[in-house]
């Protein structure tokens, strides 16, 4: 009896592993299909109303901020309540910034999972399970988006995926009246897996945008990517209790002995700054965006995160303004 149950359990585990292997092997075809033109050239955007702060066009804006969320997202409109609260507070701290949060970083053309022609029903079911339980069933979304992260970091498929992501961000900026031939700095906040998407897209955005591009990695998981040199600078914010960050070290080119990798060369050249935020975890309760967890001085975690990120953005925006004024007077 026990042997029968054990063998059935092994068979089930084997089938699940086989299914994951097949799924992983097929995941690049979405990107390759887009590159081949099978899905057309359209870039999709959710019709999200401005709330007066986020997604609001501000005449005379001094900087633009693009937020790329973590792996739990299925579209441009499914931010968690903690992410929404973070962006709300960030927009209050940056009254002269245009903040965009309607980019879905796990689709090469910004198409929501729930809007895909073949598997929309599956993703709607997974989203319902993620929101109402069982949570394990909803994790199918996380697995799918992790595969997109791996594609972006892959040396074979990454350039294709990252070009698509850069085009999505570029067209999104145009929707918010960003002057691509001007000198207004662009800040890309990559949260968790969004860090890889931000770094990857920077390579191509640097060719299309005249102003400096900065990557702000909030607990970002990213590989050694050439986008580390395309960005003017990369700021990596981390917490001491974040157990997900070591996952980035799976990438061999992030290892210290790989001296010629983009990551190690960028660090030696001072192009990467690592900033500790405190005893914060990766997500959820006790995470960077949690308003109900507090530092020793009583500061909510989310306010500490907002303060550090807005401090960097304000300083770099001021530096950019001074440099533009100096160039105009030269």
C-alpha atoms as a PDB file:
ATOM      1  CA  UNK A   1       0.000   0.000   0.000  1.00  0.00           C
ATOM      2  CA  UNK A   2       2.751   2.422   1.031  1.00  0.00           C
ATOM      3  CA  UNK A   3       4.838   1.519  -2.023  1.00  0.00           C
ATOM      4  CA  UNK A   4       1.867   2.189  -4.302  1.00  0.00           C
ATOM      5  CA  UNK A   5       1.259   5.624  -2.802  1.00  0.00           C
ATOM      6  CA  UNK A   6       4.971   6.431  -2.954  1.00  0.00           C
ATOM      7  CA  UNK A   7       5.228   5.409  -6.616  1.00  0.00           C
ATOM      8  CA  UNK A   8       2.154   7.468  -7.499  1.00  0.00           C
ATOM      9  CA  UNK A   9       3.618  10.477  -5.712  1.00  0.00           C
ATOM     10  CA  UNK A  10       6.886  10.070  -7.626  1.00  0.00           C
ATOM     11  CA  UNK A  11       4.963   9.802 -10.884  1.00  0.00           C
ATOM     12  CA  UNK A  12       3.026  12.987 -10.085  1.00  0.00           C
ATOM     13  CA  UNK A  13       6.208  14.853  -9.200  1.00  0.00           C
ATOM     14  CA  UNK A  14       7.841  13.596 -12.375  1.00  0.00           C
ATOM     15  CA  UNK A  15       4.916  14.763 -14.494  1.00  0.00           C
ATOM     16  CA  UNK A  16       4.953  18.178 -12.831  1.00  0.00           C
ATOM     17  CA  UNK A  17       8.693  18.560 -13.455  1.00  0.00           C
ATOM     18  CA  UNK A  18       8.266  17.432 -17.046  1.00  0.00           C
ATOM     19  CA  UNK A  19       5.456  19.935 -17.500  1.00  0.00           C
ATOM     20  CA  UNK A  20       7.617  22.753 -16.112  1.00  0.00           C
ATOM     21  CA  UNK A  21      10.481  21.729 -18.401  1.00  0.00           C
ATOM     22  CA  UNK A  22       8.233  21.754 -21.480  1.00  0.00           C
ATOM     23  CA  UNK A  23       6.700  25.073 -20.404  1.00  0.00           C
ATOM     24  CA  UNK A  24      10.153  26.610 -19.934  1.00  0.00           C
ATOM     25  CA  UNK A  25      11.318  25.278 -23.310  1.00  0.00           C
ATOM     26  CA  UNK A  26       8.319  26.802 -25.095  1.00  0.00           C
ATOM     27  CA  UNK A  27       8.307  30.145 -23.258  1.00  0.00           C
ATOM     28  CA  UNK A  28      10.674  31.915 -25.723  1.00  0.00           C
ATOM     29  CA  UNK A  29       8.205  31.371 -28.581  1.00  0.00           C
ATOM     30  CA  UNK A  30       6.084  34.315 -27.443  1.00  0.00           C
ATOM     31  CA  UNK A  31       9.081  36.593 -27.871  1.00  0.00           C
ATOM     32  CA  UNK A  32      10.204  34.954 -31.100  1.00  0.00           C
ATOM     33  CA  UNK A  33       6.672  35.145 -32.480  1.00  0.00           C
ATOM     34  CA  UNK A  34       6.560  38.861 -31.767  1.00  0.00           C
ATOM     35  CA  UNK A  35       9.937  39.299 -33.477  1.00  0.00           C
ATOM     36  CA  UNK A  36       8.693  37.357 -36.504  1.00  0.00           C
ATOM     37  CA  UNK A  37       5.634  39.598 -36.760  1.00  0.00           C
ATOM     38  CA  UNK A  38       3.079  36.898 -35.979  1.00  0.00           C
ATOM     39  CA  UNK A  39       1.269  39.147 -33.508  1.00  0.00           C
ATOM     40  CA  UNK A  40       1.443  42.390 -35.456  1.00  0.00           C
ATOM     41  CA  UNK A  41       3.182  45.591 -34.389  1.00  0.00           C
ATOM     42  CA  UNK A  42       0.586  46.900 -31.968  1.00  0.00           C
ATOM     43  CA  UNK A  43       1.600  47.884 -28.441  1.00  0.00           C
ATOM     44  CA  UNK A  44      -1.267  47.430 -26.001  1.00  0.00           C
ATOM     45  CA  UNK A  45      -2.143  49.764 -23.148  1.00  0.00           C
ATOM     46  CA  UNK A  46      -4.847  49.519 -20.532  1.00  0.00           C
ATOM     47  CA  UNK A  47      -7.117  52.550 -20.434  1.00  0.00           C
ATOM     48  CA  UNK A  48      -6.245  53.614 -16.896  1.00  0.00           C
ATOM     49  CA  UNK A  49      -7.621  56.942 -15.655  1.00  0.00           C
ATOM     50  CA  UNK A  50      -5.233  59.438 -14.092  1.00  0.00           C
ATOM     51  CA  UNK A  51      -5.749  59.919 -10.363  1.00  0.00           C
ATOM     52  CA  UNK A  52      -4.268  63.413 -10.223  1.00  0.00           C
ATOM     53  CA  UNK A  53      -0.896  62.064  -9.124  1.00  0.00           C
ATOM     54  CA  UNK A  54       0.098  58.830 -10.864  1.00  0.00           C
ATOM     55  CA  UNK A  55      -0.434  58.553 -14.662  1.00  0.00           C
ATOM     56  CA  UNK A  56      -0.948  62.314 -14.809  1.00  0.00           C
ATOM     57  CA  UNK A  57       0.612  64.560 -17.464  1.00  0.00           C
ATOM     58  CA  UNK A  58       2.276  67.487 -15.732  1.00  0.00           C
ATOM     59  CA  UNK A  59       3.255  70.421 -17.943  1.00  0.00           C
ATOM     60  CA  UNK A  60       6.742  71.537 -17.054  1.00  0.00           C
ATOM     61  CA  UNK A  61       7.653  68.202 -15.461  1.00  0.00           C
ATOM     62  CA  UNK A  62      11.288  68.038 -14.438  1.00  0.00           C
ATOM     63  CA  UNK A  63      11.642  64.249 -14.638  1.00  0.00           C
ATOM     64  CA  UNK A  64       9.786  61.100 -15.684  1.00  0.00           C
ATOM     65  CA  UNK A  65       9.535  57.946 -13.597  1.00  0.00           C
ATOM     66  CA  UNK A  66       8.534  54.532 -14.982  1.00  0.00           C
ATOM     67  CA  UNK A  67       7.605  51.805 -12.499  1.00  0.00           C
ATOM     68  CA  UNK A  68       8.084  48.147 -13.487  1.00  0.00           C
ATOM     69  CA  UNK A  69       6.467  45.828 -10.970  1.00  0.00           C
ATOM     70  CA  UNK A  70       7.253  42.376  -9.617  1.00  0.00           C
ATOM     71  CA  UNK A  71       6.289  38.962 -10.966  1.00  0.00           C
ATOM     72  CA  UNK A  72       2.793  38.825  -9.510  1.00  0.00           C
ATOM     73  CA  UNK A  73       1.300  41.126 -12.128  1.00  0.00           C
ATOM     74  CA  UNK A  74      -0.883  40.015 -15.061  1.00  0.00           C
ATOM     75  CA  UNK A  75      -1.510  43.368 -16.759  1.00  0.00           C
ATOM     76  CA  UNK A  76      -0.950  47.100 -16.548  1.00  0.00           C
ATOM     77  CA  UNK A  77      -3.756  47.491 -14.041  1.00  0.00           C
ATOM     78  CA  UNK A  78      -3.155  44.783 -11.449  1.00  0.00           C
ATOM     79  CA  UNK A  79      -0.741  46.462  -9.063  1.00  0.00           C
ATOM     80  CA  UNK A  80      -0.924  45.281  -5.472  1.00  0.00           C
ATOM     81  CA  UNK A  81      -2.342  47.679  -2.929  1.00  0.00           C
ATOM     82  CA  UNK A  82       1.158  48.113  -1.459  1.00  0.00           C
ATOM     83  CA  UNK A  83       2.560  49.082  -4.869  1.00  0.00           C
ATOM     84  CA  UNK A  84      -0.271  51.567  -5.359  1.00  0.00           C
ATOM     85  CA  UNK A  85       0.353  53.102  -1.945  1.00  0.00           C
ATOM     86  CA  UNK A  86       4.085  53.324  -2.665  1.00  0.00           C
ATOM     87  CA  UNK A  87       3.507  55.140  -5.949  1.00  0.00           C
ATOM     88  CA  UNK A  88       0.950  57.446  -4.350  1.00  0.00           C
ATOM     89  CA  UNK A  89       3.445  58.486  -1.675  1.00  0.00           C
ATOM     90  CA  UNK A  90       6.262  58.757  -4.206  1.00  0.00           C
ATOM     91  CA  UNK A  91       4.184  61.095  -6.352  1.00  0.00           C
ATOM     92  CA  UNK A  92       3.564  63.315  -3.330  1.00  0.00           C
ATOM     93  CA  UNK A  93       7.304  63.399  -2.664  1.00  0.00           C
ATOM     94  CA  UNK A  94       7.988  64.258  -6.331  1.00  0.00           C
ATOM     95  CA  UNK A  95       5.432  66.920  -7.319  1.00  0.00           C
ATOM     96  CA  UNK A  96       7.408  67.816 -10.456  1.00  0.00           C
ATOM     97  CA  UNK A  97       7.576  64.260 -11.795  1.00  0.00           C
ATOM     98  CA  UNK A  98       5.397  62.320 -14.205  1.00  0.00           C
ATOM     99  CA  UNK A  99       4.983  58.806 -12.805  1.00  0.00           C
ATOM    100  CA  UNK A 100       3.896  55.949 -15.067  1.00  0.00           C
ATOM    101  CA  UNK A 101       2.749  52.572 -13.741  1.00  0.00           C
ATOM    102  CA  UNK A 102       0.829  51.161 -16.710  1.00  0.00           C
ATOM    103  CA  UNK A 103       3.675  49.146 -18.245  1.00  0.00           C
ATOM    104  CA  UNK A 104       3.323  45.352 -17.967  1.00  0.00           C
ATOM    105  CA  UNK A 105       6.968  44.267 -17.965  1.00  0.00           C
ATOM    106  CA  UNK A 106       6.302  40.562 -18.603  1.00  0.00           C
ATOM    107  CA  UNK A 107       4.908  40.930 -22.088  1.00  0.00           C
ATOM    108  CA  UNK A 108       7.018  41.962 -25.038  1.00  0.00           C
ATOM    109  CA  UNK A 109       4.174  44.113 -26.442  1.00  0.00           C
ATOM    110  CA  UNK A 110       2.447  45.046 -23.166  1.00  0.00           C
ATOM    111  CA  UNK A 111      -0.460  42.670 -23.808  1.00  0.00           C
ATOM    112  CA  UNK A 112      -2.132  41.610 -20.570  1.00  0.00           C
ATOM    113  CA  UNK A 113      -2.181  37.893 -19.825  1.00  0.00           C
ATOM    114  CA  UNK A 114      -5.949  38.111 -19.413  1.00  0.00           C
ATOM    115  CA  UNK A 115      -6.190  39.516 -22.944  1.00  0.00           C
ATOM    116  CA  UNK A 116      -4.152  36.910 -24.774  1.00  0.00           C
ATOM    117  CA  UNK A 117      -6.053  35.197 -27.601  1.00  0.00           C
ATOM    118  CA  UNK A 118      -5.330  31.569 -26.630  1.00  0.00           C
ATOM    119  CA  UNK A 119      -4.852  31.396 -22.873  1.00  0.00           C
ATOM    120  CA  UNK A 120      -6.874  34.336 -21.542  1.00  0.00           C
ATOM    121  CA  UNK A 121      -9.302  32.030 -19.743  1.00  0.00           C
ATOM    122  CA  UNK A 122      -6.448  30.230 -17.978  1.00  0.00           C
ATOM    123  CA  UNK A 123      -4.910  33.484 -16.767  1.00  0.00           C
ATOM    124  CA  UNK A 124      -8.248  34.873 -15.601  1.00  0.00           C
ATOM    125  CA  UNK A 125      -8.732  31.687 -13.597  1.00  0.00           C
ATOM    126  CA  UNK A 126      -5.198  31.958 -12.156  1.00  0.00           C
ATOM    127  CA  UNK A 127      -5.782  35.597 -11.219  1.00  0.00           C
ATOM    128  CA  UNK A 128      -9.001  34.705  -9.378  1.00  0.00           C
ATOM    129  CA  UNK A 129      -7.153  31.973  -7.496  1.00  0.00           C
ATOM    130  CA  UNK A 130      -4.341  34.390  -6.654  1.00  0.00           C
ATOM    131  CA  UNK A 131      -6.780  36.929  -5.259  1.00  0.00           C
ATOM    132  CA  UNK A 132      -9.170  34.607  -3.455  1.00  0.00           C
ATOM    133  CA  UNK A 133      -7.268  31.329  -2.994  1.00  0.00           C
ATOM    134  CA  UNK A 134      -5.912  28.820  -3.012  1.00  0.00           C
ATOM    135  CA  UNK A 135      -2.779  30.914  -3.341  1.00  0.00           C
ATOM    136  CA  UNK A 136      -0.736  27.983  -4.648  1.00  0.00           C
ATOM    137  CA  UNK A 137      -2.919  27.792  -7.750  1.00  0.00           C
ATOM    138  CA  UNK A 138      -2.374  31.503  -8.376  1.00  0.00           C
ATOM    139  CA  UNK A 139       1.385  31.015  -8.342  1.00  0.00           C
ATOM    140  CA  UNK A 140       1.144  29.823 -11.926  1.00  0.00           C
ATOM    141  CA  UNK A 141       1.285  33.547 -12.794  1.00  0.00           C
ATOM    142  CA  UNK A 142       4.538  33.937 -10.882  1.00  0.00           C
ATOM    143  CA  UNK A 143       6.071  30.927 -12.644  1.00  0.00           C
ATOM    144  CA  UNK A 144       5.124  32.240 -16.058  1.00  0.00           C
ATOM    145  CA  UNK A 145       6.597  35.684 -15.322  1.00  0.00           C
ATOM    146  CA  UNK A 146       9.789  34.156 -13.924  1.00  0.00           C
ATOM    147  CA  UNK A 147      10.268  32.498 -17.315  1.00  0.00           C
ATOM    148  CA  UNK A 148       9.983  35.944 -18.932  1.00  0.00           C
ATOM    149  CA  UNK A 149      12.635  37.214 -16.540  1.00  0.00           C
ATOM    150  CA  UNK A 150      14.930  34.397 -17.618  1.00  0.00           C
ATOM    151  CA  UNK A 151      14.270  35.192 -21.282  1.00  0.00           C
ATOM    152  CA  UNK A 152      15.192  38.837 -20.733  1.00  0.00           C
ATOM    153  CA  UNK A 153      18.439  37.753 -19.051  1.00  0.00           C
ATOM    154  CA  UNK A 154      19.276  35.153 -21.708  1.00  0.00           C
ATOM    155  CA  UNK A 155      22.061  36.100 -24.129  1.00  0.00           C
ATOM    156  CA  UNK A 156      20.168  34.512 -27.051  1.00  0.00           C
ATOM    157  CA  UNK A 157      16.610  35.793 -26.583  1.00  0.00           C
ATOM    158  CA  UNK A 158      17.266  38.716 -24.254  1.00  0.00           C
ATOM    159  CA  UNK A 159      18.130  41.319 -26.918  1.00  0.00           C
ATOM    160  CA  UNK A 160      14.843  40.605 -28.692  1.00  0.00           C
ATOM    161  CA  UNK A 161      12.748  40.724 -25.542  1.00  0.00           C
ATOM    162  CA  UNK A 162      14.510  43.810 -24.198  1.00  0.00           C
ATOM    163  CA  UNK A 163      14.041  45.691 -27.460  1.00  0.00           C
ATOM    164  CA  UNK A 164      10.329  44.986 -27.275  1.00  0.00           C
ATOM    165  CA  UNK A 165      10.225  46.178 -23.671  1.00  0.00           C
ATOM    166  CA  UNK A 166      12.153  49.325 -24.600  1.00  0.00           C
ATOM    167  CA  UNK A 167       9.676  50.059 -27.396  1.00  0.00           C
ATOM    168  CA  UNK A 168       6.782  49.636 -24.983  1.00  0.00           C
ATOM    169  CA  UNK A 169       8.346  52.063 -22.510  1.00  0.00           C
ATOM    170  CA  UNK A 170       9.266  54.498 -25.294  1.00  0.00           C
ATOM    171  CA  UNK A 171       5.743  54.618 -26.696  1.00  0.00           C
ATOM    172  CA  UNK A 172       4.406  54.895 -23.158  1.00  0.00           C
ATOM    173  CA  UNK A 173       6.564  57.957 -22.618  1.00  0.00           C
ATOM    174  CA  UNK A 174       5.209  59.518 -25.794  1.00  0.00           C
ATOM    175  CA  UNK A 175       1.682  59.010 -24.461  1.00  0.00           C
ATOM    176  CA  UNK A 176       2.681  61.149 -21.479  1.00  0.00           C
ATOM    177  CA  UNK A 177       4.220  63.883 -23.645  1.00  0.00           C
ATOM    178  CA  UNK A 178       7.840  63.041 -22.890  1.00  0.00           C
ATOM    179  CA  UNK A 179      10.216  65.129 -25.060  1.00  0.00           C
ATOM    180  CA  UNK A 180      12.540  62.414 -26.367  1.00  0.00           C
ATOM    181  CA  UNK A 181      14.955  64.964 -27.847  1.00  0.00           C
ATOM    182  CA  UNK A 182      15.079  67.034 -24.670  1.00  0.00           C
ATOM    183  CA  UNK A 183      17.137  66.812 -21.499  1.00  0.00           C
ATOM    184  CA  UNK A 184      14.516  65.677 -18.971  1.00  0.00           C
ATOM    185  CA  UNK A 185      15.994  62.687 -17.106  1.00  0.00           C
ATOM    186  CA  UNK A 186      14.242  59.332 -17.113  1.00  0.00           C
ATOM    187  CA  UNK A 187      14.180  57.092 -14.053  1.00  0.00           C
ATOM    188  CA  UNK A 188      13.144  53.446 -14.363  1.00  0.00           C
ATOM    189  CA  UNK A 189      12.240  51.790 -11.072  1.00  0.00           C
ATOM    190  CA  UNK A 190      12.496  48.019 -11.402  1.00  0.00           C
ATOM    191  CA  UNK A 191      10.905  46.241  -8.445  1.00  0.00           C
ATOM    192  CA  UNK A 192      12.004  42.643  -7.899  1.00  0.00           C
ATOM    193  CA  UNK A 193      12.067  40.909 -11.315  1.00  0.00           C
ATOM    194  CA  UNK A 194      11.292  44.290 -12.857  1.00  0.00           C
ATOM    195  CA  UNK A 195      14.935  45.121 -12.173  1.00  0.00           C
ATOM    196  CA  UNK A 196      16.033  42.869 -15.034  1.00  0.00           C
ATOM    197  CA  UNK A 197      13.438  44.391 -17.364  1.00  0.00           C
ATOM    198  CA  UNK A 198      14.639  47.886 -16.462  1.00  0.00           C
ATOM    199  CA  UNK A 199      18.309  47.082 -17.040  1.00  0.00           C
ATOM    200  CA  UNK A 200      17.560  45.196 -20.259  1.00  0.00           C
ATOM    201  CA  UNK A 201      15.421  47.974 -21.735  1.00  0.00           C
ATOM    202  CA  UNK A 202      18.018  50.646 -20.924  1.00  0.00           C
ATOM    203  CA  UNK A 203      20.286  49.335 -23.690  1.00  0.00           C
ATOM    204  CA  UNK A 204      17.823  50.338 -26.406  1.00  0.00           C
ATOM    205  CA  UNK A 205      16.255  53.361 -24.715  1.00  0.00           C
ATOM    206  CA  UNK A 206      19.707  54.925 -24.567  1.00  0.00           C
ATOM    207  CA  UNK A 207      19.753  54.940 -28.369  1.00  0.00           C
ATOM    208  CA  UNK A 208      16.356  56.662 -28.684  1.00  0.00           C
ATOM    209  CA  UNK A 209      16.404  59.146 -25.802  1.00  0.00           C
ATOM    210  CA  UNK A 210      18.812  62.040 -25.569  1.00  0.00           C
ATOM    211  CA  UNK A 211      18.458  62.634 -21.820  1.00  0.00           C
ATOM    212  CA  UNK A 212      20.203  60.533 -19.159  1.00  0.00           C
ATOM    213  CA  UNK A 213      18.555  57.274 -18.081  1.00  0.00           C
ATOM    214  CA  UNK A 214      18.871  56.008 -14.531  1.00  0.00           C
ATOM    215  CA  UNK A 215      17.884  52.565 -13.282  1.00  0.00           C
ATOM    216  CA  UNK A 216      16.624  52.347  -9.702  1.00  0.00           C
ATOM    217  CA  UNK A 217      16.613  48.695  -8.714  1.00  0.00           C
ATOM    218  CA  UNK A 218      14.265  48.170  -5.766  1.00  0.00           C
ATOM    219  CA  UNK A 219      15.225  44.692  -4.580  1.00  0.00           C
ATOM    220  CA  UNK A 220      15.893  44.055  -8.249  1.00  0.00           C
ATOM    221  CA  UNK A 221      16.862  40.608  -9.478  1.00  0.00           C
ATOM    222  CA  UNK A 222      18.900  41.051 -12.645  1.00  0.00           C
ATOM    223  CA  UNK A 223      21.743  39.456 -14.549  1.00  0.00           C
ATOM    224  CA  UNK A 224      25.001  40.910 -15.807  1.00  0.00           C
ATOM    225  CA  UNK A 225      23.495  42.851 -18.701  1.00  0.00           C
ATOM    226  CA  UNK A 226      24.989  45.377 -21.128  1.00  0.00           C
ATOM    227  CA  UNK A 227      22.231  47.743 -20.002  1.00  0.00           C
ATOM    228  CA  UNK A 228      24.367  48.381 -16.918  1.00  0.00           C
ATOM    229  CA  UNK A 229      26.550  50.498 -19.215  1.00  0.00           C
ATOM    230  CA  UNK A 230      23.688  52.043 -21.173  1.00  0.00           C
ATOM    231  CA  UNK A 231      22.226  53.537 -17.998  1.00  0.00           C
ATOM    232  CA  UNK A 232      23.896  56.656 -16.665  1.00  0.00           C
ATOM    233  CA  UNK A 233      23.976  54.967 -13.260  1.00  0.00           C
ATOM    234  CA  UNK A 234      22.312  52.042 -11.479  1.00  0.00           C
ATOM    235  CA  UNK A 235      21.119  52.414  -7.885  1.00  0.00           C
ATOM    236  CA  UNK A 236      20.375  49.119  -6.182  1.00  0.00           C
ATOM    237  CA  UNK A 237      18.243  49.348  -3.028  1.00  0.00           C
ATOM    238  CA  UNK A 238      18.136  46.303  -0.773  1.00  0.00           C
ATOM    239  CA  UNK A 239      17.069  45.112   2.669  1.00  0.00           C
ATOM    240  CA  UNK A 240      19.043  42.954   5.050  1.00  0.00           C
ATOM    241  CA  UNK A 241      16.179  40.441   5.385  1.00  0.00           C
ATOM    242  CA  UNK A 242      15.517  40.063   1.691  1.00  0.00           C
ATOM    243  CA  UNK A 243      15.915  36.346   0.988  1.00  0.00           C
ATOM    244  CA  UNK A 244      15.195  36.700  -2.745  1.00  0.00           C
ATOM    245  CA  UNK A 245      18.230  38.812  -3.651  1.00  0.00           C
ATOM    246  CA  UNK A 246      20.708  35.899  -3.638  1.00  0.00           C
ATOM    247  CA  UNK A 247      18.733  34.498  -6.587  1.00  0.00           C
ATOM    248  CA  UNK A 248      20.496  37.035  -8.803  1.00  0.00           C
ATOM    249  CA  UNK A 249      23.769  35.330  -8.017  1.00  0.00           C
ATOM    250  CA  UNK A 250      22.574  32.287  -9.939  1.00  0.00           C
ATOM    251  CA  UNK A 251      23.783  34.179 -13.008  1.00  0.00           C
ATOM    252  CA  UNK A 252      27.455  33.161 -13.373  1.00  0.00           C
ATOM    253  CA  UNK A 253      28.444  36.549 -14.806  1.00  0.00           C
ATOM    254  CA  UNK A 254      27.509  38.137 -11.473  1.00  0.00           C
ATOM    255  CA  UNK A 255      30.153  36.018  -9.709  1.00  0.00           C
ATOM    256  CA  UNK A 256      33.255  37.917  -8.528  1.00  0.00           C
ATOM    257  CA  UNK A 257      35.769  35.784 -10.443  1.00  0.00           C
ATOM    258  CA  UNK A 258      34.129  36.697 -13.801  1.00  0.00           C
ATOM    259  CA  UNK A 259      36.170  39.896 -13.916  1.00  0.00           C
ATOM    260  CA  UNK A 260      35.263  40.906 -17.478  1.00  0.00           C
ATOM    261  CA  UNK A 261      31.479  40.671 -17.072  1.00  0.00           C
ATOM    262  CA  UNK A 262      29.325  43.784 -17.371  1.00  0.00           C
ATOM    263  CA  UNK A 263      28.389  43.604 -13.692  1.00  0.00           C
ATOM    264  CA  UNK A 264      31.947  43.444 -12.381  1.00  0.00           C
ATOM    265  CA  UNK A 265      33.271  46.040 -14.814  1.00  0.00           C
ATOM    266  CA  UNK A 266      30.397  48.402 -13.960  1.00  0.00           C
ATOM    267  CA  UNK A 267      31.116  47.992 -10.248  1.00  0.00           C
ATOM    268  CA  UNK A 268      34.815  48.707 -10.726  1.00  0.00           C
ATOM    269  CA  UNK A 269      33.963  51.842 -12.708  1.00  0.00           C
ATOM    270  CA  UNK A 270      31.596  53.118 -10.006  1.00  0.00           C
ATOM    271  CA  UNK A 271      28.490  52.852 -12.184  1.00  0.00           C
ATOM    272  CA  UNK A 272      26.544  50.884  -9.560  1.00  0.00           C
ATOM    273  CA  UNK A 273      25.609  52.136  -6.099  1.00  0.00           C
ATOM    274  CA  UNK A 274      24.179  49.720  -3.515  1.00  0.00           C
ATOM    275  CA  UNK A 275      22.013  51.321  -0.823  1.00  0.00           C
ATOM    276  CA  UNK A 276      20.789  49.460   2.253  1.00  0.00           C
ATOM    277  CA  UNK A 277      17.269  50.380   3.364  1.00  0.00           C
ATOM    278  CA  UNK A 278      17.147  48.461   6.639  1.00  0.00           C
ATOM    279  CA  UNK A 279      15.792  45.125   7.922  1.00  0.00           C
ATOM    280  CA  UNK A 280      13.268  44.715   5.097  1.00  0.00           C
ATOM    281  CA  UNK A 281      12.098  41.562   3.347  1.00  0.00           C
ATOM    282  CA  UNK A 282      11.375  41.141  -0.325  1.00  0.00           C
ATOM    283  CA  UNK A 283       7.606  41.533  -0.460  1.00  0.00           C
ATOM    284  CA  UNK A 284       4.408  41.418   1.556  1.00  0.00           C
ATOM    285  CA  UNK A 285       4.385  42.056   5.295  1.00  0.00           C
ATOM    286  CA  UNK A 286       7.768  43.333   6.355  1.00  0.00           C
ATOM    287  CA  UNK A 287       8.700  44.211   2.781  1.00  0.00           C
ATOM    288  CA  UNK A 288       9.956  47.431   1.249  1.00  0.00           C
ATOM    289  CA  UNK A 289       6.461  48.730   0.518  1.00  0.00           C
ATOM    290  CA  UNK A 290       4.781  47.771   3.797  1.00  0.00           C
ATOM    291  CA  UNK A 291       3.121  50.713   5.601  1.00  0.00           C
ATOM    292  CA  UNK A 292       2.475  48.607   8.720  1.00  0.00           C
ATOM    293  CA  UNK A 293       6.066  47.625   9.536  1.00  0.00           C
ATOM    294  CA  UNK A 294       8.332  50.174  11.178  1.00  0.00           C
ATOM    295  CA  UNK A 295      12.008  50.963  11.658  1.00  0.00           C
ATOM    296  CA  UNK A 296      13.359  51.563  15.163  1.00  0.00           C
ATOM    297  CA  UNK A 297      12.681  55.287  14.832  1.00  0.00           C
ATOM    298  CA  UNK A 298       9.019  54.636  13.970  1.00  0.00           C
ATOM    299  CA  UNK A 299       9.310  55.261  10.222  1.00  0.00           C
ATOM    300  CA  UNK A 300       7.083  52.958   8.140  1.00  0.00           C
ATOM    301  CA  UNK A 301       9.065  50.813   5.739  1.00  0.00           C
ATOM    302  CA  UNK A 302       7.294  52.283   2.715  1.00  0.00           C
ATOM    303  CA  UNK A 303       8.141  55.842   3.826  1.00  0.00           C
ATOM    304  CA  UNK A 304      11.815  54.921   4.196  1.00  0.00           C
ATOM    305  CA  UNK A 305      11.786  53.439   0.694  1.00  0.00           C
ATOM    306  CA  UNK A 306      10.037  56.504  -0.729  1.00  0.00           C
ATOM    307  CA  UNK A 307      12.438  58.868   1.051  1.00  0.00           C
ATOM    308  CA  UNK A 308      15.568  57.171  -0.279  1.00  0.00           C
ATOM    309  CA  UNK A 309      14.319  56.821  -3.843  1.00  0.00           C
ATOM    310  CA  UNK A 310      12.929  60.369  -4.010  1.00  0.00           C
ATOM    311  CA  UNK A 311      16.189  61.712  -2.552  1.00  0.00           C
ATOM    312  CA  UNK A 312      18.171  60.162  -5.392  1.00  0.00           C
ATOM    313  CA  UNK A 313      15.698  61.347  -8.036  1.00  0.00           C
ATOM    314  CA  UNK A 314      15.630  64.926  -6.713  1.00  0.00           C
ATOM    315  CA  UNK A 315      19.412  65.153  -6.571  1.00  0.00           C
ATOM    316  CA  UNK A 316      19.935  63.763 -10.055  1.00  0.00           C
ATOM    317  CA  UNK A 317      17.155  65.924 -11.490  1.00  0.00           C
ATOM    318  CA  UNK A 318      18.761  69.011  -9.992  1.00  0.00           C
ATOM    319  CA  UNK A 319      22.149  67.977 -11.374  1.00  0.00           C
ATOM    320  CA  UNK A 320      20.597  67.497 -14.807  1.00  0.00           C
ATOM    321  CA  UNK A 321      19.000  70.953 -14.703  1.00  0.00           C
ATOM    322  CA  UNK A 322      22.294  72.563 -13.723  1.00  0.00           C
ATOM    323  CA  UNK A 323      24.127  70.717 -16.485  1.00  0.00           C
ATOM    324  CA  UNK A 324      21.511  71.802 -19.059  1.00  0.00           C
ATOM    325  CA  UNK A 325      21.802  75.419 -17.900  1.00  0.00           C
ATOM    326  CA  UNK A 326      25.612  75.205 -18.129  1.00  0.00           C
ATOM    327  CA  UNK A 327      25.450  73.791 -21.645  1.00  0.00           C
ATOM    328  CA  UNK A 328      22.998  76.491 -22.721  1.00  0.00           C
ATOM    329  CA  UNK A 329      25.301  79.226 -21.420  1.00  0.00           C
ATOM    330  CA  UNK A 330      28.438  77.776 -22.960  1.00  0.00           C
END
